[in-house]
């Protein structure tokens, strides 16, 4: 996968939040949470909502990874 949300999961642990807490605080759907769990791309709108809820920037919740197979 070319994107990793490992930073997001660490931030949630640091803030003692669950994924459901994130969903409720940001207003994202369970489908978006599922995509995050699978390291799939999500919309900029969803990223914005997450960043506002966590008071952070995009680079604090995701990394782009290099896929050498492509």
C-alpha atoms as a PDB file:
ATOM      1  CA  UNK A   1       0.000   0.000   0.000  1.00  0.00           C
ATOM      2  CA  UNK A   2       1.337   3.443  -0.849  1.00  0.00           C
ATOM      3  CA  UNK A   3      -0.118   5.049   2.294  1.00  0.00           C
ATOM      4  CA  UNK A   4       0.278   4.164   5.971  1.00  0.00           C
ATOM      5  CA  UNK A   5      -1.821   5.456   8.867  1.00  0.00           C
ATOM      6  CA  UNK A   6       0.468   4.055  11.575  1.00  0.00           C
ATOM      7  CA  UNK A   7       1.077   7.589  12.858  1.00  0.00           C
ATOM      8  CA  UNK A   8      -2.669   8.036  13.311  1.00  0.00           C
ATOM      9  CA  UNK A   9      -2.974   4.891  15.425  1.00  0.00           C
ATOM     10  CA  UNK A  10      -0.020   5.990  17.576  1.00  0.00           C
ATOM     11  CA  UNK A  11      -1.591   9.431  18.036  1.00  0.00           C
ATOM     12  CA  UNK A  12      -4.841   7.821  19.165  1.00  0.00           C
ATOM     13  CA  UNK A  13      -2.935   5.731  21.716  1.00  0.00           C
ATOM     14  CA  UNK A  14      -1.089   8.819  22.956  1.00  0.00           C
ATOM     15  CA  UNK A  15      -4.415  10.652  23.356  1.00  0.00           C
ATOM     16  CA  UNK A  16      -6.030   7.569  24.936  1.00  0.00           C
ATOM     17  CA  UNK A  17      -8.712   7.516  22.243  1.00  0.00           C
ATOM     18  CA  UNK A  18     -10.367   4.562  20.548  1.00  0.00           C
ATOM     19  CA  UNK A  19     -11.280   4.374  16.898  1.00  0.00           C
ATOM     20  CA  UNK A  20     -14.899   4.928  17.883  1.00  0.00           C
ATOM     21  CA  UNK A  21     -13.870   8.047  19.808  1.00  0.00           C
ATOM     22  CA  UNK A  22     -12.182   9.294  16.635  1.00  0.00           C
ATOM     23  CA  UNK A  23     -15.280   8.548  14.576  1.00  0.00           C
ATOM     24  CA  UNK A  24     -17.499  10.456  16.982  1.00  0.00           C
ATOM     25  CA  UNK A  25     -15.119  13.409  17.391  1.00  0.00           C
ATOM     26  CA  UNK A  26     -14.459  13.861  13.678  1.00  0.00           C
ATOM     27  CA  UNK A  27     -17.801  12.883  12.172  1.00  0.00           C
ATOM     28  CA  UNK A  28     -16.320  10.296   9.825  1.00  0.00           C
ATOM     29  CA  UNK A  29     -18.152   7.065   9.033  1.00  0.00           C
ATOM     30  CA  UNK A  30     -17.373   3.461   9.932  1.00  0.00           C
ATOM     31  CA  UNK A  31     -16.536   2.958   6.229  1.00  0.00           C
ATOM     32  CA  UNK A  32     -13.768   5.540   6.497  1.00  0.00           C
ATOM     33  CA  UNK A  33     -12.459   3.815   9.627  1.00  0.00           C
ATOM     34  CA  UNK A  34     -12.417   0.530   7.714  1.00  0.00           C
ATOM     35  CA  UNK A  35     -10.428   2.134   4.881  1.00  0.00           C
ATOM     36  CA  UNK A  36      -7.974   3.587   7.394  1.00  0.00           C
ATOM     37  CA  UNK A  37      -7.529   0.140   8.917  1.00  0.00           C
ATOM     38  CA  UNK A  38      -6.694  -1.283   5.484  1.00  0.00           C
ATOM     39  CA  UNK A  39      -4.292   1.599   4.628  1.00  0.00           C
ATOM     40  CA  UNK A  40      -6.507   2.666   1.731  1.00  0.00           C
ATOM     41  CA  UNK A  41      -6.832   6.192   0.403  1.00  0.00           C
ATOM     42  CA  UNK A  42      -9.550   8.397   1.883  1.00  0.00           C
ATOM     43  CA  UNK A  43     -10.850  11.797   0.806  1.00  0.00           C
ATOM     44  CA  UNK A  44      -9.204  15.080   1.692  1.00  0.00           C
ATOM     45  CA  UNK A  45     -12.428  16.036   3.445  1.00  0.00           C
ATOM     46  CA  UNK A  46     -12.114  13.045   5.769  1.00  0.00           C
ATOM     47  CA  UNK A  47      -8.447  13.799   6.417  1.00  0.00           C
ATOM     48  CA  UNK A  48      -9.390  17.388   7.246  1.00  0.00           C
ATOM     49  CA  UNK A  49     -12.063  16.246   9.715  1.00  0.00           C
ATOM     50  CA  UNK A  50      -9.603  13.926  11.434  1.00  0.00           C
ATOM     51  CA  UNK A  51      -6.946  16.631  11.646  1.00  0.00           C
ATOM     52  CA  UNK A  52      -9.408  19.126  13.129  1.00  0.00           C
ATOM     53  CA  UNK A  53     -10.612  16.581  15.684  1.00  0.00           C
ATOM     54  CA  UNK A  54      -7.041  15.707  16.721  1.00  0.00           C
ATOM     55  CA  UNK A  55      -5.687  19.261  16.355  1.00  0.00           C
ATOM     56  CA  UNK A  56      -2.874  18.128  14.086  1.00  0.00           C
ATOM     57  CA  UNK A  57      -1.640  18.335  10.509  1.00  0.00           C
ATOM     58  CA  UNK A  58      -1.826  15.668   7.805  1.00  0.00           C
ATOM     59  CA  UNK A  59       1.844  14.744   8.096  1.00  0.00           C
ATOM     60  CA  UNK A  60       1.223  13.804  11.729  1.00  0.00           C
ATOM     61  CA  UNK A  61      -1.280  11.074  10.818  1.00  0.00           C
ATOM     62  CA  UNK A  62      -0.088   9.509   7.574  1.00  0.00           C
ATOM     63  CA  UNK A  63       2.980   8.542   5.571  1.00  0.00           C
ATOM     64  CA  UNK A  64       3.304   7.778   1.913  1.00  0.00           C
ATOM     65  CA  UNK A  65       5.296   4.632   1.296  1.00  0.00           C
ATOM     66  CA  UNK A  66       7.299   3.725  -1.764  1.00  0.00           C
ATOM     67  CA  UNK A  67       6.135   0.654  -3.635  1.00  0.00           C
ATOM     68  CA  UNK A  68       9.175  -0.757  -5.443  1.00  0.00           C
ATOM     69  CA  UNK A  69       7.040  -3.260  -7.365  1.00  0.00           C
ATOM     70  CA  UNK A  70       5.476  -0.571  -9.548  1.00  0.00           C
END
